[in-house]
Amino acid sequence: MLLSRFWTSPRSVDTLNRERQLAVDFIAAAAGGPTIYLGRDMKLSHAGMGITKADYAAFMRCLSVTLDTFKVPEAERSEVVAFTASLESEIVEA
């Protein structure tokens, strides 16, 4: 399953930077950090994208590879995977 279809439309550098910062802020706030997330909730942010269970599974595999690449310790890895998995019902539409 290719996830690239979700990032194929042209985006300005500013938009890419904003999307990256929102992702960082969301993760940091969810992890209890001092960051405040000012973006939309996950359901609204992903509405209309047609994300399927297969897409989400592919995303989770990419997440696993990323955590492996950066040698994230098991305790933190488990927390990130559990948190990300908990968002599935808010993101998957089809």
C-alpha atoms as a PDB file:
ATOM      1  CA  MET A   1       0.000   0.000   0.000  1.00  0.00           C
ATOM      2  CA  LEU A   2       1.472   3.313  -1.052  1.00  0.00           C
ATOM      3  CA  LEU A   3       0.821   6.226   1.227  1.00  0.00           C
ATOM      4  CA  SER A   4       2.278   8.743  -1.212  1.00  0.00           C
ATOM      5  CA  ARG A   5      -1.192   9.450  -2.613  1.00  0.00           C
ATOM      6  CA  PHE A   6      -1.872  11.487   0.533  1.00  0.00           C
ATOM      7  CA  TRP A   7       1.029  13.824  -0.249  1.00  0.00           C
ATOM      8  CA  THR A   8       0.853  14.168  -4.034  1.00  0.00           C
ATOM      9  CA  SER A   9      -0.780  17.584  -4.363  1.00  0.00           C
ATOM     10  CA  PRO A  10       1.660  20.487  -4.666  1.00  0.00           C
ATOM     11  CA  ARG A  11       2.396  22.254  -1.390  1.00  0.00           C
ATOM     12  CA  SER A  12       4.405  25.374  -0.715  1.00  0.00           C
ATOM     13  CA  VAL A  13       7.471  25.251   1.513  1.00  0.00           C
ATOM     14  CA  ASP A  14       5.510  27.243   4.084  1.00  0.00           C
ATOM     15  CA  THR A  15       2.665  24.696   4.049  1.00  0.00           C
ATOM     16  CA  LEU A  16       5.103  21.790   4.417  1.00  0.00           C
ATOM     17  CA  ASN A  17       6.791  23.538   7.341  1.00  0.00           C
ATOM     18  CA  ARG A  18       3.406  24.229   8.974  1.00  0.00           C
ATOM     19  CA  GLU A  19       2.315  20.598   8.571  1.00  0.00           C
ATOM     20  CA  ARG A  20       5.601  19.389  10.065  1.00  0.00           C
ATOM     21  CA  GLN A  21       5.308  21.798  13.015  1.00  0.00           C
ATOM     22  CA  LEU A  22       1.704  20.774  13.690  1.00  0.00           C
ATOM     23  CA  ALA A  23       2.772  17.126  13.772  1.00  0.00           C
ATOM     24  CA  VAL A  24       5.598  17.902  16.197  1.00  0.00           C
ATOM     25  CA  ASP A  25       3.308  19.993  18.405  1.00  0.00           C
ATOM     26  CA  PHE A  26       0.600  17.308  18.406  1.00  0.00           C
ATOM     27  CA  ILE A  27       2.998  14.535  19.397  1.00  0.00           C
ATOM     28  CA  ALA A  28       4.769  16.659  22.016  1.00  0.00           C
ATOM     29  CA  ALA A  29       1.489  17.795  23.588  1.00  0.00           C
ATOM     30  CA  ALA A  30       0.113  14.238  23.592  1.00  0.00           C
ATOM     31  CA  ALA A  31       3.301  13.040  25.292  1.00  0.00           C
ATOM     32  CA  GLY A  32       2.741  15.518  28.123  1.00  0.00           C
ATOM     33  CA  GLY A  33       5.320  18.047  27.032  1.00  0.00           C
ATOM     34  CA  PRO A  34       4.958  21.770  27.535  1.00  0.00           C
ATOM     35  CA  THR A  35       3.938  22.293  23.892  1.00  0.00           C
ATOM     36  CA  ILE A  36       0.405  23.428  23.113  1.00  0.00           C
ATOM     37  CA  TYR A  37      -1.238  21.931  20.027  1.00  0.00           C
ATOM     38  CA  LEU A  38      -3.295  24.543  18.173  1.00  0.00           C
ATOM     39  CA  GLY A  39      -4.317  22.392  15.213  1.00  0.00           C
ATOM     40  CA  ARG A  40      -7.612  20.697  14.425  1.00  0.00           C
ATOM     41  CA  ASP A  41      -8.614  17.391  15.997  1.00  0.00           C
ATOM     42  CA  MET A  42      -7.678  14.205  14.149  1.00  0.00           C
ATOM     43  CA  LYS A  43     -11.170  13.457  12.860  1.00  0.00           C
ATOM     44  CA  LEU A  44     -11.554  16.879  11.254  1.00  0.00           C
ATOM     45  CA  SER A  45      -7.956  16.941   9.997  1.00  0.00           C
ATOM     46  CA  HIS A  46      -8.402  13.663   8.100  1.00  0.00           C
ATOM     47  CA  ALA A  47     -12.058  13.965   7.033  1.00  0.00           C
ATOM     48  CA  GLY A  48     -12.623  13.280   3.353  1.00  0.00           C
ATOM     49  CA  MET A  49      -9.217  11.704   2.769  1.00  0.00           C
ATOM     50  CA  GLY A  50     -10.672   8.211   2.436  1.00  0.00           C
ATOM     51  CA  ILE A  51      -8.084   6.643   4.725  1.00  0.00           C
ATOM     52  CA  THR A  52      -8.702   2.904   5.001  1.00  0.00           C
ATOM     53  CA  LYS A  53      -7.689   0.307   7.568  1.00  0.00           C
ATOM     54  CA  ALA A  54      -5.092  -0.900   5.040  1.00  0.00           C
ATOM     55  CA  ASP A  55      -3.693   2.642   4.761  1.00  0.00           C
ATOM     56  CA  TYR A  56      -3.485   2.910   8.529  1.00  0.00           C
ATOM     57  CA  ALA A  57      -1.767  -0.476   8.771  1.00  0.00           C
ATOM     58  CA  ALA A  58       0.770   0.693   6.175  1.00  0.00           C
ATOM     59  CA  PHE A  59       1.333   3.860   8.194  1.00  0.00           C
ATOM     60  CA  MET A  60       1.903   1.792  11.335  1.00  0.00           C
ATOM     61  CA  ARG A  61       4.487  -0.311   9.459  1.00  0.00           C
ATOM     62  CA  CYS A  62       6.261   2.901   8.382  1.00  0.00           C
ATOM     63  CA  LEU A  63       6.190   4.085  11.979  1.00  0.00           C
ATOM     64  CA  SER A  64       7.773   0.821  13.100  1.00  0.00           C
ATOM     65  CA  VAL A  65      10.574   1.149  10.543  1.00  0.00           C
ATOM     66  CA  THR A  66      11.176   4.738  11.629  1.00  0.00           C
ATOM     67  CA  LEU A  67      11.369   3.737  15.298  1.00  0.00           C
ATOM     68  CA  ASP A  68      13.805   0.961  14.336  1.00  0.00           C
ATOM     69  CA  THR A  69      15.922   3.349  12.281  1.00  0.00           C
ATOM     70  CA  PHE A  70      16.287   5.733  15.202  1.00  0.00           C
ATOM     71  CA  LYS A  71      16.776   2.904  17.705  1.00  0.00           C
ATOM     72  CA  VAL A  72      13.975   4.138  19.944  1.00  0.00           C
ATOM     73  CA  PRO A  73      14.082   2.200  23.244  1.00  0.00           C
ATOM     74  CA  GLU A  74      11.323  -0.366  23.796  1.00  0.00           C
ATOM     75  CA  ALA A  75       9.500   1.550  26.550  1.00  0.00           C
ATOM     76  CA  GLU A  76       9.179   4.710  24.456  1.00  0.00           C
ATOM     77  CA  ARG A  77       8.480   2.690  21.330  1.00  0.00           C
ATOM     78  CA  SER A  78       5.565   0.947  23.041  1.00  0.00           C
ATOM     79  CA  GLU A  79       4.122   4.275  24.143  1.00  0.00           C
ATOM     80  CA  VAL A  80       4.375   5.790  20.653  1.00  0.00           C
ATOM     81  CA  VAL A  81       2.850   2.714  18.993  1.00  0.00           C
ATOM     82  CA  ALA A  82       0.009   2.499  21.540  1.00  0.00           C
ATOM     83  CA  PHE A  83      -0.774   6.199  21.234  1.00  0.00           C
ATOM     84  CA  THR A  84      -0.704   6.116  17.437  1.00  0.00           C
ATOM     85  CA  ALA A  85      -2.854   2.983  17.331  1.00  0.00           C
ATOM     86  CA  SER A  86      -5.392   4.706  19.602  1.00  0.00           C
ATOM     87  CA  LEU A  87      -5.989   7.337  16.907  1.00  0.00           C
ATOM     88  CA  GLU A  88      -7.118   4.850  14.262  1.00  0.00           C
ATOM     89  CA  SER A  89     -10.847   5.246  14.917  1.00  0.00           C
ATOM     90  CA  GLU A  90     -10.516   9.035  14.518  1.00  0.00           C
ATOM     91  CA  ILE A  91      -8.584   8.812  11.238  1.00  0.00           C
ATOM     92  CA  VAL A  92      -9.870   5.774   9.316  1.00  0.00           C
ATOM     93  CA  GLU A  93     -13.027   6.482   7.293  1.00  0.00           C
ATOM     94  CA  ALA A  94     -13.421   3.558   4.955  1.00  0.00           C
END
